[in-house]
Amino acid sequence: NDIVAVRCDDGFQNGGEIGIDCGGPCIKRCNGRVCTIADHCWSGVCGVNKTCSVPTCSDNVQNGVEEGIDCGASCPLKCDYQFCTSDNQCKSSVCKHRYCRGM
């Protein structure tokens, strides 16, 4: 039998992990686990109650499937350089020449 090293970035719960790529042999902790700093958590968010929090589109961290900090993918606001038709679609609040622009 071949021995396969556990990878904590493969998108699967395996090798003794408690969740997908967190807990068990992985350094990062799963959501709901105790933390003292954000770096402890897979999501990058250690909540006010000192537990790792689920990624959201308003946590000031690029996490989950976000394409930037709290923008793109499943977030309602678009990141810089993404197609837009109005300012209110962009995280930067600037839609110029049909693309979100930084301030």
PDB file of N, CA and C in Angstrom:
ATOM      1  N   ASN A   1       0.826  -1.198   0.000  1.00  0.00           N
ATOM      2  CA  ASN A   1       0.000   0.000   0.000  1.00  0.00           C
ATOM      3  C   ASN A   1       0.863   1.251   0.000  1.00  0.00           C
ATOM      4  N   ASP A   2       0.508   2.191  -0.835  1.00  0.00           N
ATOM      5  CA  ASP A   2       1.213   3.467  -0.867  1.00  0.00           C
ATOM      6  C   ASP A   2       0.713   4.352   0.259  1.00  0.00           C
ATOM      7  N   ILE A   3       1.623   5.075   0.874  1.00  0.00           N
ATOM      8  CA  ILE A   3       1.254   6.041   1.907  1.00  0.00           C
ATOM      9  C   ILE A   3       1.153   7.405   1.247  1.00  0.00           C
ATOM     10  N   VAL A   4       0.020   8.052   1.426  1.00  0.00           N
ATOM     11  CA  VAL A   4      -0.206   9.370   0.844  1.00  0.00           C
ATOM     12  C   VAL A   4      -0.198  10.401   1.959  1.00  0.00           C
ATOM     13  N   ALA A   5       0.616  11.428   1.796  1.00  0.00           N
ATOM     14  CA  ALA A   5       0.691  12.485   2.805  1.00  0.00           C
ATOM     15  C   ALA A   5      -0.611  13.280   2.822  1.00  0.00           C
ATOM     16  N   VAL A   6      -1.038  13.660   4.012  1.00  0.00           N
ATOM     17  CA  VAL A   6      -2.239  14.476   4.162  1.00  0.00           C
ATOM     18  C   VAL A   6      -1.934  15.877   3.657  1.00  0.00           C
ATOM     19  N   ARG A   7      -2.818  16.399   2.823  1.00  0.00           N
ATOM     20  CA  ARG A   7      -2.687  17.776   2.351  1.00  0.00           C
ATOM     21  C   ARG A   7      -3.841  18.571   2.913  1.00  0.00           C
ATOM     22  N   CYS A   8      -3.539  19.670   3.522  1.00  0.00           N
ATOM     23  CA  CYS A   8      -4.568  20.508   4.145  1.00  0.00           C
ATOM     24  C   CYS A   8      -5.046  21.608   3.206  1.00  0.00           C
ATOM     25  N   ASP A   9      -4.906  21.391   1.904  1.00  0.00           N
ATOM     26  CA  ASP A   9      -5.359  22.378   0.924  1.00  0.00           C
ATOM     27  C   ASP A   9      -5.938  21.707  -0.324  1.00  0.00           C
ATOM     28  N   ASP A  10      -6.438  20.476  -0.155  1.00  0.00           N
ATOM     29  CA  ASP A  10      -6.925  19.745  -1.322  1.00  0.00           C
ATOM     30  C   ASP A  10      -8.438  19.833  -1.528  1.00  0.00           C
ATOM     31  N   GLY A  11      -9.146  20.542  -0.640  1.00  0.00           N
ATOM     32  CA  GLY A  11     -10.588  20.716  -0.799  1.00  0.00           C
ATOM     33  C   GLY A  11     -11.418  19.520  -0.384  1.00  0.00           C
ATOM     34  N   PHE A  12     -10.800  18.563   0.314  1.00  0.00           N
ATOM     35  CA  PHE A  12     -11.507  17.366   0.767  1.00  0.00           C
ATOM     36  C   PHE A  12     -11.300  17.159   2.257  1.00  0.00           C
ATOM     37  N   GLN A  13     -12.263  16.533   2.910  1.00  0.00           N
ATOM     38  CA  GLN A  13     -12.089  16.116   4.298  1.00  0.00           C
ATOM     39  C   GLN A  13     -11.507  14.711   4.254  1.00  0.00           C
ATOM     40  N   ASN A  14     -10.232  14.611   4.633  1.00  0.00           N
ATOM     41  CA  ASN A  14      -9.558  13.320   4.591  1.00  0.00           C
ATOM     42  C   ASN A  14      -8.389  13.307   5.574  1.00  0.00           C
ATOM     43  N   GLY A  15      -7.751  12.180   5.740  1.00  0.00           N
ATOM     44  CA  GLY A  15      -6.547  12.086   6.557  1.00  0.00           C
ATOM     45  C   GLY A  15      -6.728  12.484   8.007  1.00  0.00           C
ATOM     46  N   GLY A  16      -7.897  12.276   8.569  1.00  0.00           N
ATOM     47  CA  GLY A  16      -8.125  12.617   9.973  1.00  0.00           C
ATOM     48  C   GLY A  16      -8.566  14.047  10.210  1.00  0.00           C
ATOM     49  N   GLU A  17      -8.831  14.799   9.142  1.00  0.00           N
ATOM     50  CA  GLU A  17      -9.315  16.171   9.295  1.00  0.00           C
ATOM     51  C   GLU A  17     -10.700  16.158   9.941  1.00  0.00           C
ATOM     52  N   ILE A  18     -10.990  17.191  10.722  1.00  0.00           N
ATOM     53  CA  ILE A  18     -12.305  17.325  11.354  1.00  0.00           C
ATOM     54  C   ILE A  18     -13.306  17.902  10.358  1.00  0.00           C
ATOM     55  N   GLY A  19     -12.834  18.781   9.490  1.00  0.00           N
ATOM     56  CA  GLY A  19     -13.639  19.382   8.435  1.00  0.00           C
ATOM     57  C   GLY A  19     -12.802  19.424   7.172  1.00  0.00           C
ATOM     58  N   ILE A  20     -13.298  20.070   6.135  1.00  0.00           N
ATOM     59  CA  ILE A  20     -12.541  20.177   4.888  1.00  0.00           C
ATOM     60  C   ILE A  20     -11.314  21.047   5.131  1.00  0.00           C
ATOM     61  N   ASP A  21     -10.142  20.427   5.038  1.00  0.00           N
ATOM     62  CA  ASP A  21      -8.848  21.095   5.170  1.00  0.00           C
ATOM     63  C   ASP A  21      -8.643  21.805   6.507  1.00  0.00           C
ATOM     64  N   CYS A  22      -9.262  21.315   7.573  1.00  0.00           N
ATOM     65  CA  CYS A  22      -9.067  21.928   8.893  1.00  0.00           C
ATOM     66  C   CYS A  22      -9.177  20.884  10.000  1.00  0.00           C
ATOM     67  N   GLY A  23      -8.551  21.189  11.119  1.00  0.00           N
ATOM     68  CA  GLY A  23      -8.585  20.300  12.280  1.00  0.00           C
ATOM     69  C   GLY A  23      -7.733  19.058  12.068  1.00  0.00           C
ATOM     70  N   GLY A  24      -7.682  18.207  13.075  1.00  0.00           N
ATOM     71  CA  GLY A  24      -6.882  16.983  12.995  1.00  0.00           C
ATOM     72  C   GLY A  24      -5.425  17.307  12.727  1.00  0.00           C
ATOM     73  N   PRO A  25      -4.838  16.769  11.645  1.00  0.00           N
ATOM     74  CA  PRO A  25      -3.430  17.020  11.355  1.00  0.00           C
ATOM     75  C   PRO A  25      -3.158  18.408  10.761  1.00  0.00           C
ATOM     76  N   CYS A  26      -4.201  19.129  10.400  1.00  0.00           N
ATOM     77  CA  CYS A  26      -4.034  20.462   9.801  1.00  0.00           C
ATOM     78  C   CYS A  26      -3.854  21.522  10.885  1.00  0.00           C
ATOM     79  N   ILE A  27      -3.047  22.500  10.596  1.00  0.00           N
ATOM     80  CA  ILE A  27      -2.784  23.585  11.548  1.00  0.00           C
ATOM     81  C   ILE A  27      -4.029  24.443  11.748  1.00  0.00           C
ATOM     82  N   LYS A  28      -4.737  24.736  10.668  1.00  0.00           N
ATOM     83  CA  LYS A  28      -5.910  25.616  10.747  1.00  0.00           C
ATOM     84  C   LYS A  28      -7.084  24.908  11.411  1.00  0.00           C
ATOM     85  N   ARG A  29      -7.825  25.667  12.210  1.00  0.00           N
ATOM     86  CA  ARG A  29      -8.977  25.123  12.934  1.00  0.00           C
ATOM     87  C   ARG A  29     -10.257  25.326  12.138  1.00  0.00           C
ATOM     88  N   CYS A  30     -11.204  24.425  12.350  1.00  0.00           N
ATOM     89  CA  CYS A  30     -12.496  24.481  11.658  1.00  0.00           C
ATOM     90  C   CYS A  30     -13.406  25.537  12.292  1.00  0.00           C
ATOM     91  N   ASN A  31     -14.441  25.934  11.546  1.00  0.00           N
ATOM     92  CA  ASN A  31     -15.437  26.875  12.064  1.00  0.00           C
ATOM     93  C   ASN A  31     -16.058  26.315  13.332  1.00  0.00           C
ATOM     94  N   GLY A  32     -16.275  27.183  14.315  1.00  0.00           N
ATOM     95  CA  GLY A  32     -16.873  26.783  15.580  1.00  0.00           C
ATOM     96  C   GLY A  32     -15.857  26.368  16.628  1.00  0.00           C
ATOM     97  N   ARG A  33     -14.590  26.239  16.250  1.00  0.00           N
ATOM     98  CA  ARG A  33     -13.544  25.848  17.198  1.00  0.00           C
ATOM     99  C   ARG A  33     -12.971  27.079  17.893  1.00  0.00           C
ATOM    100  N   VAL A  34     -12.445  26.885  19.078  1.00  0.00           N
ATOM    101  CA  VAL A  34     -11.878  27.976  19.878  1.00  0.00           C
ATOM    102  C   VAL A  34     -10.640  28.546  19.186  1.00  0.00           C
ATOM    103  N   CYS A  35     -10.492  29.880  19.242  1.00  0.00           N
ATOM    104  CA  CYS A  35      -9.332  30.560  18.659  1.00  0.00           C
ATOM    105  C   CYS A  35      -8.973  31.774  19.510  1.00  0.00           C
ATOM    106  N   THR A  36      -7.769  32.256  19.330  1.00  0.00           N
ATOM    107  CA  THR A  36      -7.376  33.512  19.974  1.00  0.00           C
ATOM    108  C   THR A  36      -6.975  34.555  18.938  1.00  0.00           C
ATOM    109  N   ILE A  37      -6.557  34.103  17.756  1.00  0.00           N
ATOM    110  CA  ILE A  37      -6.223  35.021  16.664  1.00  0.00           C
ATOM    111  C   ILE A  37      -6.780  34.468  15.355  1.00  0.00           C
ATOM    112  N   ALA A  38      -6.975  35.344  14.391  1.00  0.00           N
ATOM    113  CA  ALA A  38      -7.560  34.958  13.104  1.00  0.00           C
ATOM    114  C   ALA A  38      -6.737  33.895  12.386  1.00  0.00           C
ATOM    115  N   ASP A  39      -5.423  33.932  12.544  1.00  0.00           N
ATOM    116  CA  ASP A  39      -4.557  32.989  11.843  1.00  0.00           C
ATOM    117  C   ASP A  39      -4.775  31.541  12.287  1.00  0.00           C
ATOM    118  N   HIS A  40      -5.404  31.340  13.430  1.00  0.00           N
ATOM    119  CA  HIS A  40      -5.718  29.980  13.880  1.00  0.00           C
ATOM    120  C   HIS A  40      -6.785  29.328  13.005  1.00  0.00           C
ATOM    121  N   CYS A  41      -7.616  30.143  12.366  1.00  0.00           N
ATOM    122  CA  CYS A  41      -8.835  29.660  11.707  1.00  0.00           C
ATOM    123  C   CYS A  41      -8.675  29.466  10.204  1.00  0.00           C
ATOM    124  N   TRP A  42      -9.291  28.410   9.689  1.00  0.00           N
ATOM    125  CA  TRP A  42      -9.314  28.156   8.252  1.00  0.00           C
ATOM    126  C   TRP A  42      -9.960  29.332   7.517  1.00  0.00           C
ATOM    127  N   SER A  43     -10.994  29.920   8.119  1.00  0.00           N
ATOM    128  CA  SER A  43     -11.703  31.041   7.491  1.00  0.00           C
ATOM    129  C   SER A  43     -10.934  32.349   7.578  1.00  0.00           C
ATOM    130  N   GLY A  44      -9.930  32.411   8.458  1.00  0.00           N
ATOM    131  CA  GLY A  44      -9.195  33.652   8.675  1.00  0.00           C
ATOM    132  C   GLY A  44      -9.937  34.619   9.576  1.00  0.00           C
ATOM    133  N   VAL A  45     -11.006  34.142  10.242  1.00  0.00           N
ATOM    134  CA  VAL A  45     -11.821  34.998  11.101  1.00  0.00           C
ATOM    135  C   VAL A  45     -11.994  34.346  12.471  1.00  0.00           C
ATOM    136  N   CYS A  46     -11.452  35.013  13.498  1.00  0.00           N
ATOM    137  CA  CYS A  46     -11.673  34.602  14.887  1.00  0.00           C
ATOM    138  C   CYS A  46     -12.675  35.599  15.448  1.00  0.00           C
ATOM    139  N   GLY A  47     -13.909  35.157  15.650  1.00  0.00           N
ATOM    140  CA  GLY A  47     -15.000  36.043  16.050  1.00  0.00           C
ATOM    141  C   GLY A  47     -14.861  36.607  17.449  1.00  0.00           C
ATOM    142  N   VAL A  48     -15.749  37.544  17.790  1.00  0.00           N
ATOM    143  CA  VAL A  48     -15.721  38.190  19.104  1.00  0.00           C
ATOM    144  C   VAL A  48     -15.931  37.191  20.231  1.00  0.00           C
ATOM    145  N   ASN A  49     -16.575  36.081  19.935  1.00  0.00           N
ATOM    146  CA  ASN A  49     -16.785  35.045  20.950  1.00  0.00           C
ATOM    147  C   ASN A  49     -15.617  34.058  21.009  1.00  0.00           C
ATOM    148  N   LYS A  50     -14.513  34.405  20.336  1.00  0.00           N
ATOM    149  CA  LYS A  50     -13.282  33.600  20.316  1.00  0.00           C
ATOM    150  C   LYS A  50     -13.498  32.206  19.738  1.00  0.00           C
ATOM    151  N   THR A  51     -14.321  32.137  18.690  1.00  0.00           N
ATOM    152  CA  THR A  51     -14.452  30.901  17.923  1.00  0.00           C
ATOM    153  C   THR A  51     -14.266  31.236  16.445  1.00  0.00           C
ATOM    154  N   CYS A  52     -13.739  30.288  15.699  1.00  0.00           N
ATOM    155  CA  CYS A  52     -13.552  30.475  14.264  1.00  0.00           C
ATOM    156  C   CYS A  52     -14.924  30.620  13.607  1.00  0.00           C
ATOM    157  N   SER A  53     -15.054  31.645  12.775  1.00  0.00           N
ATOM    158  CA  SER A  53     -16.342  31.973  12.159  1.00  0.00           C
ATOM    159  C   SER A  53     -16.396  31.556  10.696  1.00  0.00           C
ATOM    160  N   VAL A  54     -17.597  31.323  10.215  1.00  0.00           N
ATOM    161  CA  VAL A  54     -17.846  31.005   8.814  1.00  0.00           C
ATOM    162  C   VAL A  54     -17.497  32.230   7.970  1.00  0.00           C
ATOM    163  N   PRO A  55     -16.888  32.043   6.794  1.00  0.00           N
ATOM    164  CA  PRO A  55     -16.596  33.185   5.927  1.00  0.00           C
ATOM    165  C   PRO A  55     -17.878  33.915   5.516  1.00  0.00           C
ATOM    166  N   THR A  56     -17.826  35.245   5.503  1.00  0.00           N
ATOM    167  CA  THR A  56     -18.949  36.055   5.029  1.00  0.00           C
ATOM    168  C   THR A  56     -18.423  37.109   4.065  1.00  0.00           C
ATOM    169  N   CYS A  57     -19.318  37.804   3.418  1.00  0.00           N
ATOM    170  CA  CYS A  57     -18.942  38.868   2.489  1.00  0.00           C
ATOM    171  C   CYS A  57     -18.776  40.204   3.202  1.00  0.00           C
ATOM    172  N   SER A  58     -18.660  40.183   4.528  1.00  0.00           N
ATOM    173  CA  SER A  58     -18.480  41.431   5.281  1.00  0.00           C
ATOM    174  C   SER A  58     -17.506  41.248   6.445  1.00  0.00           C
ATOM    175  N   ASP A  59     -16.573  40.288   6.333  1.00  0.00           N
ATOM    176  CA  ASP A  59     -15.650  40.023   7.443  1.00  0.00           C
ATOM    177  C   ASP A  59     -14.262  40.631   7.246  1.00  0.00           C
ATOM    178  N   ASN A  60     -14.079  41.419   6.173  1.00  0.00           N
ATOM    179  CA  ASN A  60     -12.809  42.094   5.879  1.00  0.00           C
ATOM    180  C   ASN A  60     -11.650  41.134   5.651  1.00  0.00           C
ATOM    181  N   VAL A  61     -11.954  39.924   5.157  1.00  0.00           N
ATOM    182  CA  VAL A  61     -10.940  38.915   4.855  1.00  0.00           C
ATOM    183  C   VAL A  61     -11.298  38.277   3.516  1.00  0.00           C
ATOM    184  N   GLN A  62     -10.303  38.032   2.660  1.00  0.00           N
ATOM    185  CA  GLN A  62     -10.566  37.263   1.446  1.00  0.00           C
ATOM    186  C   GLN A  62     -10.567  35.798   1.845  1.00  0.00           C
ATOM    187  N   ASN A  63     -11.752  35.196   1.824  1.00  0.00           N
ATOM    188  CA  ASN A  63     -11.886  33.802   2.234  1.00  0.00           C
ATOM    189  C   ASN A  63     -13.051  33.159   1.500  1.00  0.00           C
ATOM    190  N   GLY A  64     -13.299  31.895   1.784  1.00  0.00           N
ATOM    191  CA  GLY A  64     -14.340  31.190   1.046  1.00  0.00           C
ATOM    192  C   GLY A  64     -13.980  31.171  -0.424  1.00  0.00           C
ATOM    193  N   VAL A  65     -14.905  31.540  -1.284  1.00  0.00           N
ATOM    194  CA  VAL A  65     -14.650  31.563  -2.728  1.00  0.00           C
ATOM    195  C   VAL A  65     -14.526  32.994  -3.259  1.00  0.00           C
ATOM    196  N   GLU A  66     -14.331  33.958  -2.366  1.00  0.00           N
ATOM    197  CA  GLU A  66     -14.211  35.358  -2.777  1.00  0.00           C
ATOM    198  C   GLU A  66     -13.015  35.547  -3.712  1.00  0.00           C
ATOM    199  N   GLU A  67     -13.165  36.483  -4.641  1.00  0.00           N
ATOM    200  CA  GLU A  67     -12.094  36.803  -5.579  1.00  0.00           C
ATOM    201  C   GLU A  67     -11.239  37.956  -5.077  1.00  0.00           C
ATOM    202  N   GLY A  68     -11.697  38.635  -4.056  1.00  0.00           N
ATOM    203  CA  GLY A  68     -10.992  39.723  -3.397  1.00  0.00           C
ATOM    204  C   GLY A  68     -11.549  39.815  -1.990  1.00  0.00           C
ATOM    205  N   ILE A  69     -11.145  40.811  -1.242  1.00  0.00           N
ATOM    206  CA  ILE A  69     -11.651  40.963   0.123  1.00  0.00           C
ATOM    207  C   ILE A  69     -13.124  41.351   0.064  1.00  0.00           C
ATOM    208  N   ASP A  70     -13.982  40.414   0.461  1.00  0.00           N
ATOM    209  CA  ASP A  70     -15.433  40.622   0.533  1.00  0.00           C
ATOM    210  C   ASP A  70     -16.063  41.046  -0.793  1.00  0.00           C
ATOM    211  N   CYS A  71     -15.556  40.517  -1.903  1.00  0.00           N
ATOM    212  CA  CYS A  71     -16.144  40.835  -3.209  1.00  0.00           C
ATOM    213  C   CYS A  71     -15.931  39.683  -4.187  1.00  0.00           C
ATOM    214  N   GLY A  72     -16.743  39.698  -5.237  1.00  0.00           N
ATOM    215  CA  GLY A  72     -16.649  38.686  -6.279  1.00  0.00           C
ATOM    216  C   GLY A  72     -17.285  37.370  -5.882  1.00  0.00           C
ATOM    217  N   ALA A  73     -17.373  36.468  -6.826  1.00  0.00           N
ATOM    218  CA  ALA A  73     -17.950  35.125  -6.641  1.00  0.00           C
ATOM    219  C   ALA A  73     -19.348  35.236  -6.046  1.00  0.00           C
ATOM    220  N   SER A  74     -19.556  34.710  -4.845  1.00  0.00           N
ATOM    221  CA  SER A  74     -20.894  34.687  -4.246  1.00  0.00           C
ATOM    222  C   SER A  74     -21.247  35.973  -3.502  1.00  0.00           C
ATOM    223  N   CYS A  75     -20.314  36.908  -3.397  1.00  0.00           N
ATOM    224  CA  CYS A  75     -20.599  38.183  -2.716  1.00  0.00           C
ATOM    225  C   CYS A  75     -21.371  39.112  -3.653  1.00  0.00           C
ATOM    226  N   PRO A  76     -22.260  39.936  -3.090  1.00  0.00           N
ATOM    227  CA  PRO A  76     -23.059  40.816  -3.946  1.00  0.00           C
ATOM    228  C   PRO A  76     -22.251  41.923  -4.620  1.00  0.00           C
ATOM    229  N   LEU A  77     -21.156  42.362  -4.007  1.00  0.00           N
ATOM    230  CA  LEU A  77     -20.355  43.433  -4.602  1.00  0.00           C
ATOM    231  C   LEU A  77     -19.228  42.864  -5.452  1.00  0.00           C
ATOM    232  N   LYS A  78     -18.918  43.584  -6.517  1.00  0.00           N
ATOM    233  CA  LYS A  78     -17.879  43.151  -7.447  1.00  0.00           C
ATOM    234  C   LYS A  78     -16.532  43.761  -7.066  1.00  0.00           C
ATOM    235  N   CYS A  79     -15.465  43.036  -7.394  1.00  0.00           N
ATOM    236  CA  CYS A  79     -14.099  43.497  -7.132  1.00  0.00           C
ATOM    237  C   CYS A  79     -13.646  44.441  -8.244  1.00  0.00           C
ATOM    238  N   ASP A  80     -12.533  45.126  -8.010  1.00  0.00           N
ATOM    239  CA  ASP A  80     -11.944  45.979  -9.042  1.00  0.00           C
ATOM    240  C   ASP A  80     -11.702  45.169 -10.312  1.00  0.00           C
ATOM    241  N   TYR A  81     -11.918  45.823 -11.441  1.00  0.00           N
ATOM    242  CA  TYR A  81     -11.699  45.284 -12.780  1.00  0.00           C
ATOM    243  C   TYR A  81     -12.749  44.261 -13.215  1.00  0.00           C
ATOM    244  N   GLN A  82     -13.833  44.102 -12.437  1.00  0.00           N
ATOM    245  CA  GLN A  82     -14.929  43.248 -12.881  1.00  0.00           C
ATOM    246  C   GLN A  82     -15.969  44.109 -13.590  1.00  0.00           C
ATOM    247  N   PHE A  83     -16.679  43.519 -14.542  1.00  0.00           N
ATOM    248  CA  PHE A  83     -17.673  44.221 -15.346  1.00  0.00           C
ATOM    249  C   PHE A  83     -18.798  44.757 -14.464  1.00  0.00           C
ATOM    250  N   CYS A  84     -19.246  45.980 -14.743  1.00  0.00           N
ATOM    251  CA  CYS A  84     -20.345  46.595 -13.988  1.00  0.00           C
ATOM    252  C   CYS A  84     -21.139  47.517 -14.898  1.00  0.00           C
ATOM    253  N   THR A  85     -22.327  47.880 -14.427  1.00  0.00           N
ATOM    254  CA  THR A  85     -23.147  48.851 -15.152  1.00  0.00           C
ATOM    255  C   THR A  85     -23.511  50.044 -14.278  1.00  0.00           C
ATOM    256  N   SER A  86     -23.237  49.954 -12.966  1.00  0.00           N
ATOM    257  CA  SER A  86     -23.520  51.081 -12.072  1.00  0.00           C
ATOM    258  C   SER A  86     -22.586  51.039 -10.862  1.00  0.00           C
ATOM    259  N   ASP A  87     -22.373  52.202 -10.248  1.00  0.00           N
ATOM    260  CA  ASP A  87     -21.467  52.329  -9.101  1.00  0.00           C
ATOM    261  C   ASP A  87     -21.844  51.411  -7.942  1.00  0.00           C
ATOM    262  N   ASN A  88     -23.154  51.225  -7.719  1.00  0.00           N
ATOM    263  CA  ASN A  88     -23.583  50.445  -6.547  1.00  0.00           C
ATOM    264  C   ASN A  88     -23.308  48.945  -6.681  1.00  0.00           C
ATOM    265  N   GLN A  89     -22.809  48.490  -7.819  1.00  0.00           N
ATOM    266  CA  GLN A  89     -22.428  47.085  -7.982  1.00  0.00           C
ATOM    267  C   GLN A  89     -21.000  46.815  -7.489  1.00  0.00           C
ATOM    268  N   CYS A  90     -20.224  47.877  -7.312  1.00  0.00           N
ATOM    269  CA  CYS A  90     -18.796  47.735  -7.016  1.00  0.00           C
ATOM    270  C   CYS A  90     -18.473  47.955  -5.544  1.00  0.00           C
ATOM    271  N   LYS A  91     -17.547  47.169  -5.030  1.00  0.00           N
ATOM    272  CA  LYS A  91     -17.092  47.358  -3.654  1.00  0.00           C
ATOM    273  C   LYS A  91     -16.497  48.753  -3.490  1.00  0.00           C
ATOM    274  N   SER A  92     -15.804  49.224  -4.507  1.00  0.00           N
ATOM    275  CA  SER A  92     -15.192  50.554  -4.475  1.00  0.00           C
ATOM    276  C   SER A  92     -16.207  51.672  -4.690  1.00  0.00           C
ATOM    277  N   SER A  93     -17.438  51.328  -5.072  1.00  0.00           N
ATOM    278  CA  SER A  93     -18.505  52.289  -5.413  1.00  0.00           C
ATOM    279  C   SER A  93     -18.174  53.118  -6.642  1.00  0.00           C
ATOM    280  N   VAL A  94     -17.247  52.633  -7.475  1.00  0.00           N
ATOM    281  CA  VAL A  94     -16.881  53.344  -8.698  1.00  0.00           C
ATOM    282  C   VAL A  94     -16.953  52.384  -9.885  1.00  0.00           C
ATOM    283  N   CYS A  95     -17.891  52.644 -10.789  1.00  0.00           N
ATOM    284  CA  CYS A  95     -18.004  51.890 -12.040  1.00  0.00           C
ATOM    285  C   CYS A  95     -17.676  52.869 -13.160  1.00  0.00           C
ATOM    286  N   LYS A  96     -16.524  52.685 -13.781  1.00  0.00           N
ATOM    287  CA  LYS A  96     -16.082  53.614 -14.811  1.00  0.00           C
ATOM    288  C   LYS A  96     -15.743  52.826 -16.072  1.00  0.00           C
ATOM    289  N   HIS A  97     -16.317  53.228 -17.186  1.00  0.00           N
ATOM    290  CA  HIS A  97     -16.117  52.542 -18.467  1.00  0.00           C
ATOM    291  C   HIS A  97     -16.452  51.053 -18.349  1.00  0.00           C
ATOM    292  N   ARG A  98     -17.519  50.765 -17.589  1.00  0.00           N
ATOM    293  CA  ARG A  98     -18.078  49.418 -17.411  1.00  0.00           C
ATOM    294  C   ARG A  98     -17.210  48.458 -16.590  1.00  0.00           C
ATOM    295  N   TYR A  99     -16.259  48.997 -15.835  1.00  0.00           N
ATOM    296  CA  TYR A  99     -15.454  48.160 -14.934  1.00  0.00           C
ATOM    297  C   TYR A  99     -15.334  48.828 -13.572  1.00  0.00           C
ATOM    298  N   CYS A 100     -15.397  48.015 -12.520  1.00  0.00           N
ATOM    299  CA  CYS A 100     -15.207  48.540 -11.168  1.00  0.00           C
ATOM    300  C   CYS A 100     -13.769  49.023 -11.035  1.00  0.00           C
ATOM    301  N   ARG A 101     -13.613  50.172 -10.430  1.00  0.00           N
ATOM    302  CA  ARG A 101     -12.284  50.774 -10.278  1.00  0.00           C
ATOM    303  C   ARG A 101     -12.028  51.087  -8.819  1.00  0.00           C
ATOM    304  N   GLY A 102     -10.791  50.915  -8.394  1.00  0.00           N
ATOM    305  CA  GLY A 102     -10.398  51.280  -7.030  1.00  0.00           C
ATOM    306  C   GLY A 102     -10.440  52.776  -6.853  1.00  0.00           C
ATOM    307  N   MET A 103     -10.451  53.189  -5.620  1.00  0.00           N
ATOM    308  CA  MET A 103     -10.557  54.621  -5.333  1.00  0.00           C
ATOM    309  C   MET A 103      -9.212  55.289  -5.368  1.00  0.00           C
TER     310      MET A 103
END
